[in-house]
Amino acid sequence: MSLTKPRKATRNTLAEREAPEAGGRERLIAAALKLAAEKRSLLALGVRELGRMAGLNPNTFYRHFKSLDELSLAIIDEFAQDLAPALRSIRHSGLPVETVPQRTVEYVFDYAKQYPEAFIVGVRELHGSSGRLQQAIRARIRQVAQELAEDILATQGPTGLSAAIVEELTEPIVEHVFHRTLDYLEDPKRRADLVLRTTHFIEALIAGALTLKAQKRWN
Protein backbone atom coordinates (compact mmCIF):
# COMPACT_ATOMS: atom_id res chain seq x y z
CA MET A 1 0.00 0.00 0.00
CA SER A 2 1.37 3.42 -0.89
CA LEU A 3 1.39 5.94 1.91
CA THR A 4 0.39 9.56 1.55
CA LYS A 5 3.06 11.81 2.98
CA PRO A 6 1.81 13.97 5.87
CA ARG A 7 1.12 17.54 4.85
CA LYS A 8 3.99 19.89 5.65
CA ALA A 9 3.44 23.01 7.73
CA THR A 10 3.55 26.22 5.71
CA ARG A 11 3.92 28.86 8.39
CA ASN A 12 6.99 31.08 8.09
CA THR A 13 9.61 30.74 10.82
CA LEU A 14 10.34 33.67 13.09
CA ALA A 15 13.54 34.42 11.18
CA GLU A 16 11.60 34.52 7.90
CA ARG A 17 9.00 36.80 9.43
CA GLU A 18 11.69 39.16 10.70
CA ALA A 19 13.47 39.43 7.34
CA PRO A 20 13.46 42.90 5.75
CA GLU A 21 11.59 41.57 2.72
CA ALA A 22 8.76 40.21 4.89
CA GLY A 23 5.51 42.16 4.93
CA GLY A 24 4.51 44.45 7.78
CA ARG A 25 1.96 41.99 9.14
CA GLU A 26 4.51 39.18 9.28
CA ARG A 27 7.09 41.39 10.97
CA LEU A 28 4.60 42.57 13.60
CA ILE A 29 3.64 38.98 14.41
CA ALA A 30 7.34 38.06 14.70
CA ALA A 31 7.95 41.03 17.00
CA ALA A 32 4.96 40.15 19.19
CA LEU A 33 6.07 36.53 19.56
CA LYS A 34 9.64 37.51 20.33
CA LEU A 35 8.64 40.05 22.99
CA ALA A 36 5.90 37.90 24.53
CA ALA A 37 8.19 34.86 24.72
CA GLU A 38 10.30 36.88 27.18
CA LYS A 39 7.70 36.16 29.89
CA ARG A 40 5.16 38.84 29.02
CA SER A 41 1.56 38.63 27.92
CA LEU A 42 0.71 39.52 24.34
CA LEU A 43 -1.81 42.04 25.63
CA ALA A 44 0.85 43.75 27.77
CA LEU A 45 2.86 44.74 24.71
CA GLY A 46 2.90 48.30 23.42
CA VAL A 47 2.30 49.35 19.85
CA ARG A 48 5.45 51.50 19.87
CA GLU A 49 7.71 48.72 21.12
CA LEU A 50 6.20 46.37 18.54
CA GLY A 51 6.97 48.90 15.85
CA ARG A 52 10.55 49.30 17.07
CA MET A 53 11.12 45.55 17.26
CA ALA A 54 9.63 45.07 13.80
CA GLY A 55 11.60 47.97 12.32
CA LEU A 56 8.38 49.72 11.34
CA ASN A 57 6.68 53.02 12.02
CA PRO A 58 4.32 52.39 14.98
CA ASN A 59 1.39 53.67 12.93
CA THR A 60 1.92 50.73 10.55
CA PHE A 61 0.39 48.51 13.23
CA TYR A 62 -3.08 49.91 12.57
CA ARG A 63 -2.87 49.12 8.88
CA HIS A 64 -2.87 45.44 9.79
CA PHE A 65 -4.61 45.13 13.18
CA LYS A 66 -7.28 47.14 14.95
CA SER A 67 -5.95 46.28 18.40
CA LEU A 68 -3.56 44.06 20.37
CA ASP A 69 -6.52 41.74 20.91
CA GLU A 70 -6.88 41.29 17.17
CA LEU A 71 -3.13 40.69 16.76
CA SER A 72 -3.15 38.10 19.55
CA LEU A 73 -6.13 36.23 18.13
CA ALA A 74 -4.58 36.31 14.65
CA ILE A 75 -1.44 34.63 16.00
CA ILE A 76 -3.49 31.87 17.66
CA ASP A 77 -5.57 31.30 14.55
CA GLU A 78 -2.64 31.27 12.14
CA PHE A 79 -0.70 28.57 13.93
CA ALA A 80 -3.77 26.47 14.70
CA GLN A 81 -4.90 26.63 11.07
CA ASP A 82 -1.45 25.54 9.94
CA LEU A 83 -0.99 22.68 12.39
CA ALA A 84 -4.45 21.07 12.42
CA PRO A 85 -4.55 20.01 8.73
CA ALA A 86 -1.03 18.60 9.00
CA LEU A 87 -2.11 16.42 11.91
CA ARG A 88 -5.16 15.20 10.02
CA SER A 89 -2.97 14.27 7.07
CA ILE A 90 -0.90 12.01 9.34
CA ARG A 91 -4.03 10.19 10.47
CA HIS A 92 -5.16 9.75 6.86
CA SER A 93 -1.72 8.86 5.49
CA GLY A 94 -2.19 5.09 5.49
CA LEU A 95 0.36 4.54 8.26
CA PRO A 96 -0.25 1.50 10.48
CA VAL A 97 -2.71 2.52 13.19
CA GLU A 98 -0.32 1.61 16.02
CA THR A 99 2.33 4.03 14.71
CA VAL A 100 0.05 7.07 14.39
CA PRO A 101 0.28 8.30 18.03
CA GLN A 102 4.08 8.43 18.02
CA ARG A 103 4.21 9.91 14.52
CA THR A 104 1.78 12.62 15.64
CA VAL A 105 3.76 13.43 18.78
CA GLU A 106 6.98 13.60 16.76
CA TYR A 107 5.36 15.97 14.30
CA VAL A 108 3.97 18.31 16.97
CA PHE A 109 7.27 18.42 18.84
CA ASP A 110 9.20 19.07 15.64
CA TYR A 111 6.73 21.83 14.76
CA ALA A 112 7.25 23.35 18.21
CA LYS A 113 11.01 23.24 17.64
CA GLN A 114 10.51 25.24 14.43
CA TYR A 115 8.20 27.78 16.07
CA PRO A 116 9.19 27.77 19.76
CA GLU A 117 7.98 31.28 20.56
CA ALA A 118 4.46 30.42 19.41
CA PHE A 119 4.25 27.47 21.81
CA ILE A 120 5.90 29.27 24.72
CA VAL A 121 3.42 32.12 24.33
CA GLY A 122 0.47 29.80 23.66
CA VAL A 123 0.92 27.66 26.77
CA ARG A 124 1.48 30.73 28.92
CA GLU A 125 -1.61 32.52 27.58
CA LEU A 126 -3.71 29.39 28.18
CA HIS A 127 -3.10 30.02 31.89
CA GLY A 128 -2.79 33.80 31.69
CA SER A 129 -5.03 36.62 32.81
CA SER A 130 -6.82 37.26 29.52
CA GLY A 131 -10.07 35.35 29.46
CA ARG A 132 -10.49 36.10 25.78
CA LEU A 133 -7.14 34.57 24.83
CA GLN A 134 -7.76 31.58 27.10
CA GLN A 135 -11.10 30.99 25.39
CA ALA A 136 -9.53 31.30 21.93
CA ILE A 137 -6.78 28.78 22.72
CA ARG A 138 -9.21 26.36 24.39
CA ALA A 139 -11.51 26.63 21.37
CA ARG A 140 -8.62 25.60 19.13
CA ILE A 141 -7.72 22.71 21.46
CA ARG A 142 -11.34 21.54 21.33
CA GLN A 143 -11.36 21.84 17.54
CA VAL A 144 -8.24 19.69 17.17
CA ALA A 145 -9.65 17.22 19.73
CA GLN A 146 -12.93 16.98 17.84
CA GLU A 147 -11.11 16.32 14.57
CA LEU A 148 -8.98 13.68 16.31
CA ALA A 149 -12.12 11.98 17.65
CA GLU A 150 -13.74 12.02 14.21
CA ASP A 151 -10.65 10.49 12.62
CA ILE A 152 -10.28 7.79 15.28
CA LEU A 153 -13.88 6.76 14.74
CA ALA A 154 -13.64 6.93 10.94
CA THR A 155 -10.19 5.53 10.16
CA GLN A 156 -9.22 3.10 12.91
CA GLY A 157 -12.06 0.63 12.69
CA PRO A 158 -14.20 -0.59 15.58
CA THR A 159 -12.50 0.00 18.93
CA GLY A 160 -15.44 -0.86 21.13
CA LEU A 161 -15.52 2.73 22.35
CA SER A 162 -18.51 4.93 21.78
CA ALA A 163 -18.21 8.33 20.11
CA ALA A 164 -18.89 9.97 23.50
CA ILE A 165 -15.97 8.13 25.15
CA VAL A 166 -13.59 8.88 22.28
CA GLU A 167 -14.51 12.56 22.42
CA GLU A 168 -13.95 12.56 26.18
CA LEU A 169 -10.45 11.14 25.67
CA THR A 170 -9.21 13.38 22.89
CA GLU A 171 -9.32 16.76 24.61
CA PRO A 172 -6.97 15.76 27.48
CA ILE A 173 -4.72 14.09 24.91
CA VAL A 174 -4.42 17.27 22.84
CA GLU A 175 -3.92 19.46 25.89
CA HIS A 176 -1.27 17.13 27.33
CA VAL A 177 0.73 17.11 24.09
CA PHE A 178 0.44 20.91 23.89
CA HIS A 179 1.87 21.34 27.39
CA ARG A 180 4.60 18.76 26.79
CA THR A 181 6.01 20.88 23.96
CA LEU A 182 7.55 23.17 26.59
CA ASP A 183 9.43 20.28 28.20
CA TYR A 184 10.61 19.26 24.74
CA LEU A 185 11.87 22.77 23.99
CA GLU A 186 13.53 23.28 27.37
CA ASP A 187 15.33 19.94 27.68
CA PRO A 188 16.97 18.81 24.39
CA LYS A 189 18.71 15.88 26.08
CA ARG A 190 15.36 14.33 27.02
CA ARG A 191 13.63 14.81 23.68
CA ALA A 192 13.63 11.15 22.60
CA ASP A 193 12.39 10.12 26.05
CA LEU A 194 9.67 12.79 26.00
CA VAL A 195 8.39 11.52 22.65
CA LEU A 196 8.08 8.01 24.10
CA ARG A 197 6.54 9.15 27.38
CA THR A 198 3.98 11.33 25.63
CA THR A 199 3.13 8.50 23.24
CA HIS A 200 2.75 6.11 26.18
CA PHE A 201 0.39 8.59 27.87
CA ILE A 202 -1.87 8.54 24.81
CA GLU A 203 -1.75 4.75 24.53
CA ALA A 204 -2.41 4.31 28.26
CA LEU A 205 -5.49 6.55 28.13
CA ILE A 206 -6.94 4.56 25.26
CA ALA A 207 -6.02 1.19 26.82
CA GLY A 208 -7.54 2.29 30.12
CA ALA A 209 -10.74 3.33 28.39
CA LEU A 210 -10.93 -0.04 26.62
CA THR A 211 -10.44 -1.84 29.95
CA LEU A 212 -13.16 0.19 31.66
CA LYS A 213 -15.46 -0.42 28.71
CA ALA A 214 -14.81 -4.18 28.88
CA GLN A 215 -15.58 -4.13 32.60
CA LYS A 216 -18.78 -2.19 31.83
CA ARG A 217 -17.58 0.66 34.04
CA TRP A 218 -17.60 3.24 31.25
CA ASN A 219 -20.40 3.32 28.70
C-alpha atoms as a PDB file:
ATOM      1  CA  MET A   1       0.000   0.000   0.000  1.00  0.00           C
ATOM      2  CA  SER A   2       1.372   3.422  -0.891  1.00  0.00           C
ATOM      3  CA  LEU A   3       1.394   5.939   1.912  1.00  0.00           C
ATOM      4  CA  THR A   4       0.388   9.557   1.553  1.00  0.00           C
ATOM      5  CA  LYS A   5       3.064  11.806   2.985  1.00  0.00           C
ATOM      6  CA  PRO A   6       1.813  13.973   5.867  1.00  0.00           C
ATOM      7  CA  ARG A   7       1.124  17.543   4.846  1.00  0.00           C
ATOM      8  CA  LYS A   8       3.993  19.891   5.649  1.00  0.00           C
ATOM      9  CA  ALA A   9       3.440  23.009   7.732  1.00  0.00           C
ATOM     10  CA  THR A  10       3.546  26.217   5.705  1.00  0.00           C
ATOM     11  CA  ARG A  11       3.918  28.858   8.388  1.00  0.00           C
ATOM     12  CA  ASN A  12       6.990  31.078   8.088  1.00  0.00           C
ATOM     13  CA  THR A  13       9.606  30.739  10.816  1.00  0.00           C
ATOM     14  CA  LEU A  14      10.337  33.673  13.092  1.00  0.00           C
ATOM     15  CA  ALA A  15      13.535  34.416  11.180  1.00  0.00           C
ATOM     16  CA  GLU A  16      11.597  34.517   7.901  1.00  0.00           C
ATOM     17  CA  ARG A  17       8.996  36.799   9.434  1.00  0.00           C
ATOM     18  CA  GLU A  18      11.692  39.160  10.702  1.00  0.00           C
ATOM     19  CA  ALA A  19      13.466  39.426   7.342  1.00  0.00           C
ATOM     20  CA  PRO A  20      13.465  42.900   5.754  1.00  0.00           C
ATOM     21  CA  GLU A  21      11.589  41.569   2.723  1.00  0.00           C
ATOM     22  CA  ALA A  22       8.760  40.207   4.889  1.00  0.00           C
ATOM     23  CA  GLY A  23       5.509  42.164   4.929  1.00  0.00           C
ATOM     24  CA  GLY A  24       4.513  44.446   7.783  1.00  0.00           C
ATOM     25  CA  ARG A  25       1.963  41.992   9.144  1.00  0.00           C
ATOM     26  CA  GLU A  26       4.507  39.177   9.277  1.00  0.00           C
ATOM     27  CA  ARG A  27       7.086  41.389  10.967  1.00  0.00           C
ATOM     28  CA  LEU A  28       4.603  42.570  13.597  1.00  0.00           C
ATOM     29  CA  ILE A  29       3.640  38.976  14.411  1.00  0.00           C
ATOM     30  CA  ALA A  30       7.335  38.056  14.704  1.00  0.00           C
ATOM     31  CA  ALA A  31       7.948  41.031  16.996  1.00  0.00           C
ATOM     32  CA  ALA A  32       4.956  40.151  19.187  1.00  0.00           C
ATOM     33  CA  LEU A  33       6.068  36.533  19.563  1.00  0.00           C
ATOM     34  CA  LYS A  34       9.644  37.513  20.327  1.00  0.00           C
ATOM     35  CA  LEU A  35       8.644  40.053  22.987  1.00  0.00           C
ATOM     36  CA  ALA A  36       5.900  37.900  24.528  1.00  0.00           C
ATOM     37  CA  ALA A  37       8.194  34.858  24.717  1.00  0.00           C
ATOM     38  CA  GLU A  38      10.296  36.876  27.181  1.00  0.00           C
ATOM     39  CA  LYS A  39       7.695  36.159  29.890  1.00  0.00           C
ATOM     40  CA  ARG A  40       5.160  38.843  29.024  1.00  0.00           C
ATOM     41  CA  SER A  41       1.563  38.628  27.920  1.00  0.00           C
ATOM     42  CA  LEU A  42       0.706  39.523  24.343  1.00  0.00           C
ATOM     43  CA  LEU A  43      -1.814  42.039  25.634  1.00  0.00           C
ATOM     44  CA  ALA A  44       0.846  43.755  27.768  1.00  0.00           C
ATOM     45  CA  LEU A  45       2.859  44.738  24.705  1.00  0.00           C
ATOM     46  CA  GLY A  46       2.898  48.296  23.425  1.00  0.00           C
ATOM     47  CA  VAL A  47       2.300  49.348  19.848  1.00  0.00           C
ATOM     48  CA  ARG A  48       5.450  51.498  19.873  1.00  0.00           C
ATOM     49  CA  GLU A  49       7.710  48.725  21.116  1.00  0.00           C
ATOM     50  CA  LEU A  50       6.197  46.368  18.545  1.00  0.00           C
ATOM     51  CA  GLY A  51       6.971  48.903  15.846  1.00  0.00           C
ATOM     52  CA  ARG A  52      10.551  49.305  17.066  1.00  0.00           C
ATOM     53  CA  MET A  53      11.123  45.552  17.262  1.00  0.00           C
ATOM     54  CA  ALA A  54       9.626  45.073  13.800  1.00  0.00           C
ATOM     55  CA  GLY A  55      11.596  47.968  12.317  1.00  0.00           C
ATOM     56  CA  LEU A  56       8.375  49.720  11.337  1.00  0.00           C
ATOM     57  CA  ASN A  57       6.679  53.018  12.023  1.00  0.00           C
ATOM     58  CA  PRO A  58       4.319  52.389  14.976  1.00  0.00           C
ATOM     59  CA  ASN A  59       1.391  53.667  12.931  1.00  0.00           C
ATOM     60  CA  THR A  60       1.920  50.732  10.552  1.00  0.00           C
ATOM     61  CA  PHE A  61       0.392  48.508  13.226  1.00  0.00           C
ATOM     62  CA  TYR A  62      -3.081  49.913  12.568  1.00  0.00           C
ATOM     63  CA  ARG A  63      -2.869  49.116   8.875  1.00  0.00           C
ATOM     64  CA  HIS A  64      -2.866  45.438   9.792  1.00  0.00           C
ATOM     65  CA  PHE A  65      -4.610  45.126  13.176  1.00  0.00           C
ATOM     66  CA  LYS A  66      -7.279  47.139  14.947  1.00  0.00           C
ATOM     67  CA  SER A  67      -5.948  46.284  18.399  1.00  0.00           C
ATOM     68  CA  LEU A  68      -3.562  44.063  20.370  1.00  0.00           C
ATOM     69  CA  ASP A  69      -6.522  41.744  20.906  1.00  0.00           C
ATOM     70  CA  GLU A  70      -6.879  41.289  17.167  1.00  0.00           C
ATOM     71  CA  LEU A  71      -3.131  40.693  16.756  1.00  0.00           C
ATOM     72  CA  SER A  72      -3.148  38.102  19.548  1.00  0.00           C
ATOM     73  CA  LEU A  73      -6.131  36.233  18.128  1.00  0.00           C
ATOM     74  CA  ALA A  74      -4.581  36.310  14.653  1.00  0.00           C
ATOM     75  CA  ILE A  75      -1.439  34.629  16.000  1.00  0.00           C
ATOM     76  CA  ILE A  76      -3.486  31.870  17.665  1.00  0.00           C
ATOM     77  CA  ASP A  77      -5.570  31.303  14.547  1.00  0.00           C
ATOM     78  CA  GLU A  78      -2.642  31.274  12.136  1.00  0.00           C
ATOM     79  CA  PHE A  79      -0.698  28.571  13.930  1.00  0.00           C
ATOM     80  CA  ALA A  80      -3.767  26.467  14.699  1.00  0.00           C
ATOM     81  CA  GLN A  81      -4.901  26.628  11.075  1.00  0.00           C
ATOM     82  CA  ASP A  82      -1.447  25.542   9.937  1.00  0.00           C
ATOM     83  CA  LEU A  83      -0.992  22.676  12.394  1.00  0.00           C
ATOM     84  CA  ALA A  84      -4.453  21.070  12.423  1.00  0.00           C
ATOM     85  CA  PRO A  85      -4.553  20.013   8.728  1.00  0.00           C
ATOM     86  CA  ALA A  86      -1.029  18.599   9.000  1.00  0.00           C
ATOM     87  CA  LEU A  87      -2.106  16.416  11.915  1.00  0.00           C
ATOM     88  CA  ARG A  88      -5.161  15.204  10.025  1.00  0.00           C
ATOM     89  CA  SER A  89      -2.971  14.272   7.073  1.00  0.00           C
ATOM     90  CA  ILE A  90      -0.898  12.011   9.338  1.00  0.00           C
ATOM     91  CA  ARG A  91      -4.028  10.191  10.470  1.00  0.00           C
ATOM     92  CA  HIS A  92      -5.165   9.752   6.858  1.00  0.00           C
ATOM     93  CA  SER A  93      -1.723   8.856   5.492  1.00  0.00           C
ATOM     94  CA  GLY A  94      -2.188   5.090   5.493  1.00  0.00           C
ATOM     95  CA  LEU A  95       0.360   4.540   8.256  1.00  0.00           C
ATOM     96  CA  PRO A  96      -0.246   1.500  10.479  1.00  0.00           C
ATOM     97  CA  VAL A  97      -2.707   2.523  13.190  1.00  0.00           C
ATOM     98  CA  GLU A  98      -0.316   1.607  16.015  1.00  0.00           C
ATOM     99  CA  THR A  99       2.330   4.032  14.705  1.00  0.00           C
ATOM    100  CA  VAL A 100       0.046   7.069  14.394  1.00  0.00           C
ATOM    101  CA  PRO A 101       0.278   8.297  18.034  1.00  0.00           C
ATOM    102  CA  GLN A 102       4.085   8.427  18.015  1.00  0.00           C
ATOM    103  CA  ARG A 103       4.209   9.914  14.523  1.00  0.00           C
ATOM    104  CA  THR A 104       1.781  12.622  15.640  1.00  0.00           C
ATOM    105  CA  VAL A 105       3.762  13.427  18.778  1.00  0.00           C
ATOM    106  CA  GLU A 106       6.978  13.598  16.762  1.00  0.00           C
ATOM    107  CA  TYR A 107       5.360  15.972  14.301  1.00  0.00           C
ATOM    108  CA  VAL A 108       3.968  18.308  16.966  1.00  0.00           C
ATOM    109  CA  PHE A 109       7.272  18.416  18.840  1.00  0.00           C
ATOM    110  CA  ASP A 110       9.199  19.074  15.645  1.00  0.00           C
ATOM    111  CA  TYR A 111       6.731  21.826  14.762  1.00  0.00           C
ATOM    112  CA  ALA A 112       7.251  23.354  18.211  1.00  0.00           C
ATOM    113  CA  LYS A 113      11.010  23.244  17.636  1.00  0.00           C
ATOM    114  CA  GLN A 114      10.506  25.241  14.425  1.00  0.00           C
ATOM    115  CA  TYR A 115       8.195  27.784  16.074  1.00  0.00           C
ATOM    116  CA  PRO A 116       9.192  27.775  19.763  1.00  0.00           C
ATOM    117  CA  GLU A 117       7.980  31.284  20.560  1.00  0.00           C
ATOM    118  CA  ALA A 118       4.459  30.420  19.411  1.00  0.00           C
ATOM    119  CA  PHE A 119       4.253  27.466  21.806  1.00  0.00           C
ATOM    120  CA  ILE A 120       5.897  29.275  24.722  1.00  0.00           C
ATOM    121  CA  VAL A 121       3.417  32.121  24.333  1.00  0.00           C
ATOM    122  CA  GLY A 122       0.472  29.804  23.657  1.00  0.00           C
ATOM    123  CA  VAL A 123       0.923  27.659  26.767  1.00  0.00           C
ATOM    124  CA  ARG A 124       1.478  30.731  28.919  1.00  0.00           C
ATOM    125  CA  GLU A 125      -1.610  32.520  27.580  1.00  0.00           C
ATOM    126  CA  LEU A 126      -3.708  29.394  28.183  1.00  0.00           C
ATOM    127  CA  HIS A 127      -3.096  30.021  31.888  1.00  0.00           C
ATOM    128  CA  GLY A 128      -2.794  33.798  31.687  1.00  0.00           C
ATOM    129  CA  SER A 129      -5.028  36.619  32.810  1.00  0.00           C
ATOM    130  CA  SER A 130      -6.822  37.264  29.524  1.00  0.00           C
ATOM    131  CA  GLY A 131     -10.068  35.352  29.465  1.00  0.00           C
ATOM    132  CA  ARG A 132     -10.491  36.099  25.785  1.00  0.00           C
ATOM    133  CA  LEU A 133      -7.143  34.573  24.828  1.00  0.00           C
ATOM    134  CA  GLN A 134      -7.762  31.579  27.101  1.00  0.00           C
ATOM    135  CA  GLN A 135     -11.100  30.991  25.389  1.00  0.00           C
ATOM    136  CA  ALA A 136      -9.527  31.297  21.930  1.00  0.00           C
ATOM    137  CA  ILE A 137      -6.784  28.777  22.716  1.00  0.00           C
ATOM    138  CA  ARG A 138      -9.213  26.365  24.385  1.00  0.00           C
ATOM    139  CA  ALA A 139     -11.512  26.632  21.367  1.00  0.00           C
ATOM    140  CA  ARG A 140      -8.617  25.602  19.128  1.00  0.00           C
ATOM    141  CA  ILE A 141      -7.722  22.708  21.459  1.00  0.00           C
ATOM    142  CA  ARG A 142     -11.340  21.544  21.328  1.00  0.00           C
ATOM    143  CA  GLN A 143     -11.360  21.843  17.543  1.00  0.00           C
ATOM    144  CA  VAL A 144      -8.240  19.686  17.174  1.00  0.00           C
ATOM    145  CA  ALA A 145      -9.651  17.221  19.735  1.00  0.00           C
ATOM    146  CA  GLN A 146     -12.934  16.984  17.840  1.00  0.00           C
ATOM    147  CA  GLU A 147     -11.111  16.323  14.569  1.00  0.00           C
ATOM    148  CA  LEU A 148      -8.981  13.676  16.305  1.00  0.00           C
ATOM    149  CA  ALA A 149     -12.115  11.984  17.648  1.00  0.00           C
ATOM    150  CA  GLU A 150     -13.742  12.017  14.215  1.00  0.00           C
ATOM    151  CA  ASP A 151     -10.653  10.494  12.617  1.00  0.00           C
ATOM    152  CA  ILE A 152     -10.275   7.787  15.278  1.00  0.00           C
ATOM    153  CA  LEU A 153     -13.879   6.757  14.736  1.00  0.00           C
ATOM    154  CA  ALA A 154     -13.638   6.935  10.939  1.00  0.00           C
ATOM    155  CA  THR A 155     -10.188   5.531  10.157  1.00  0.00           C
ATOM    156  CA  GLN A 156      -9.224   3.103  12.906  1.00  0.00           C
ATOM    157  CA  GLY A 157     -12.056   0.626  12.690  1.00  0.00           C
ATOM    158  CA  PRO A 158     -14.195  -0.592  15.581  1.00  0.00           C
ATOM    159  CA  THR A 159     -12.498   0.002  18.929  1.00  0.00           C
ATOM    160  CA  GLY A 160     -15.445  -0.863  21.130  1.00  0.00           C
ATOM    161  CA  LEU A 161     -15.517   2.726  22.351  1.00  0.00           C
ATOM    162  CA  SER A 162     -18.514   4.935  21.781  1.00  0.00           C
ATOM    163  CA  ALA A 163     -18.210   8.329  20.113  1.00  0.00           C
ATOM    164  CA  ALA A 164     -18.887   9.969  23.496  1.00  0.00           C
ATOM    165  CA  ILE A 165     -15.971   8.128  25.153  1.00  0.00           C
ATOM    166  CA  VAL A 166     -13.585   8.880  22.281  1.00  0.00           C
ATOM    167  CA  GLU A 167     -14.511  12.564  22.424  1.00  0.00           C
ATOM    168  CA  GLU A 168     -13.950  12.563  26.182  1.00  0.00           C
ATOM    169  CA  LEU A 169     -10.449  11.136  25.674  1.00  0.00           C
ATOM    170  CA  THR A 170      -9.209  13.382  22.887  1.00  0.00           C
ATOM    171  CA  GLU A 171      -9.320  16.760  24.611  1.00  0.00           C
ATOM    172  CA  PRO A 172      -6.966  15.757  27.482  1.00  0.00           C
ATOM    173  CA  ILE A 173      -4.719  14.085  24.910  1.00  0.00           C
ATOM    174  CA  VAL A 174      -4.423  17.266  22.840  1.00  0.00           C
ATOM    175  CA  GLU A 175      -3.920  19.462  25.891  1.00  0.00           C
ATOM    176  CA  HIS A 176      -1.267  17.126  27.328  1.00  0.00           C
ATOM    177  CA  VAL A 177       0.734  17.111  24.091  1.00  0.00           C
ATOM    178  CA  PHE A 178       0.440  20.913  23.889  1.00  0.00           C
ATOM    179  CA  HIS A 179       1.866  21.336  27.395  1.00  0.00           C
ATOM    180  CA  ARG A 180       4.596  18.762  26.786  1.00  0.00           C
ATOM    181  CA  THR A 181       6.013  20.881  23.958  1.00  0.00           C
ATOM    182  CA  LEU A 182       7.553  23.175  26.590  1.00  0.00           C
ATOM    183  CA  ASP A 183       9.430  20.276  28.197  1.00  0.00           C
ATOM    184  CA  TYR A 184      10.610  19.256  24.742  1.00  0.00           C
ATOM    185  CA  LEU A 185      11.866  22.772  23.992  1.00  0.00           C
ATOM    186  CA  GLU A 186      13.528  23.279  27.368  1.00  0.00           C
ATOM    187  CA  ASP A 187      15.334  19.938  27.677  1.00  0.00           C
ATOM    188  CA  PRO A 188      16.966  18.810  24.390  1.00  0.00           C
ATOM    189  CA  LYS A 189      18.714  15.882  26.076  1.00  0.00           C
ATOM    190  CA  ARG A 190      15.361  14.332  27.015  1.00  0.00           C
ATOM    191  CA  ARG A 191      13.632  14.805  23.678  1.00  0.00           C
ATOM    192  CA  ALA A 192      13.633  11.152  22.596  1.00  0.00           C
ATOM    193  CA  ASP A 193      12.391  10.120  26.046  1.00  0.00           C
ATOM    194  CA  LEU A 194       9.669  12.789  25.996  1.00  0.00           C
ATOM    195  CA  VAL A 195       8.390  11.523  22.648  1.00  0.00           C
ATOM    196  CA  LEU A 196       8.075   8.010  24.099  1.00  0.00           C
ATOM    197  CA  ARG A 197       6.545   9.149  27.385  1.00  0.00           C
ATOM    198  CA  THR A 198       3.984  11.325  25.625  1.00  0.00           C
ATOM    199  CA  THR A 199       3.130   8.499  23.239  1.00  0.00           C
ATOM    200  CA  HIS A 200       2.749   6.112  26.178  1.00  0.00           C
ATOM    201  CA  PHE A 201       0.392   8.589  27.873  1.00  0.00           C
ATOM    202  CA  ILE A 202      -1.870   8.538  24.806  1.00  0.00           C
ATOM    203  CA  GLU A 203      -1.748   4.754  24.530  1.00  0.00           C
ATOM    204  CA  ALA A 204      -2.406   4.314  28.259  1.00  0.00           C
ATOM    205  CA  LEU A 205      -5.487   6.547  28.129  1.00  0.00           C
ATOM    206  CA  ILE A 206      -6.939   4.558  25.255  1.00  0.00           C
ATOM    207  CA  ALA A 207      -6.019   1.188  26.822  1.00  0.00           C
ATOM    208  CA  GLY A 208      -7.545   2.285  30.117  1.00  0.00           C
ATOM    209  CA  ALA A 209     -10.742   3.333  28.386  1.00  0.00           C
ATOM    210  CA  LEU A 210     -10.929  -0.041  26.623  1.00  0.00           C
ATOM    211  CA  THR A 211     -10.435  -1.838  29.952  1.00  0.00           C
ATOM    212  CA  LEU A 212     -13.163   0.186  31.661  1.00  0.00           C
ATOM    213  CA  LYS A 213     -15.464  -0.419  28.712  1.00  0.00           C
ATOM    214  CA  ALA A 214     -14.810  -4.175  28.877  1.00  0.00           C
ATOM    215  CA  GLN A 215     -15.577  -4.127  32.603  1.00  0.00           C
ATOM    216  CA  LYS A 216     -18.778  -2.187  31.831  1.00  0.00           C
ATOM    217  CA  ARG A 217     -17.582   0.658  34.043  1.00  0.00           C
ATOM    218  CA  TRP A 218     -17.603   3.237  31.246  1.00  0.00           C
ATOM    219  CA  ASN A 219     -20.400   3.319  28.701  1.00  0.00           C
END
